[in-house]
């Protein structure tokens, strides 16, 4: 979760987490210790975010403009553009190598400060840092929220499912945009194979996601662990227009904290 960017925290903390992982893997710093690749210690997207954005090609306004652009692209002008793109890509790769080297140097300096720390202590410190995020313990899913104001397109969000509540996060933001105790959720279910519906009091939220079944099953798992009534297994969406029979939740239920489901513990060998 840390390496995939699902633990929003500062870059300084990410470097400290990487140093703790090195201490856990290799013990005290040594120039002879095996070094994992940087992407096995530090989220790659953080390095890519430092690079300048690629320039956007202006859209052709009419068929004639598109035709002229096509003719130009097939001649000397197209060759010049290809050369420019190759040079730009080479500069970006060089910049990425520089940023990676700088980040690894900072991680190594933090690793040196951990001398004498044992593996259990390093793992405990790693988890303690990650637990500072209020969403720790939630399982996060990438979703596109379809229920949005008139004229607005889908909104990319994280759907976090925890033991006490379901929360919506803007990717990379530590605080949720909204959070719903299970007692506020009246029903949930699959509208089709790629749309998950969550009914919260007087509003319906529709999410486009490739993990409809996983989301539904995890919600039921938390309800079952809280001693809720056994709920029916979600059915496959029919080929004809669906007649949705939503899963109805017991009212007033706020499950007690349960185990972290479906994610490897942060700080393990899968972190």
Foldseek 3Di string as FASTA:
>chain_A
DQQQQQQQDDLVLLLLLLLLLCCLVFNADDPPTDDDQVSLRHHLVVLVVPDDDDDDDDDQDDPVSVVVVVVCCPDPNVVVVVVVVVVVVVVRVVSSVVSSVVSVVSSSVSNNVCHPDYNVRSLVVSLVSSVVQVLPLWDWFWWWKCPDDPPDHTATWIFTDFLFWIFTGRRSDRDTPDIGGPLQWFWWAAQAQFWIWTHGNPDIIIIGHNPRQVVVVVVQVSCVVQVFDRWDRHDHADPPRGDDDTTGGDHPDGGDGDGRPDDPRPSPPVD
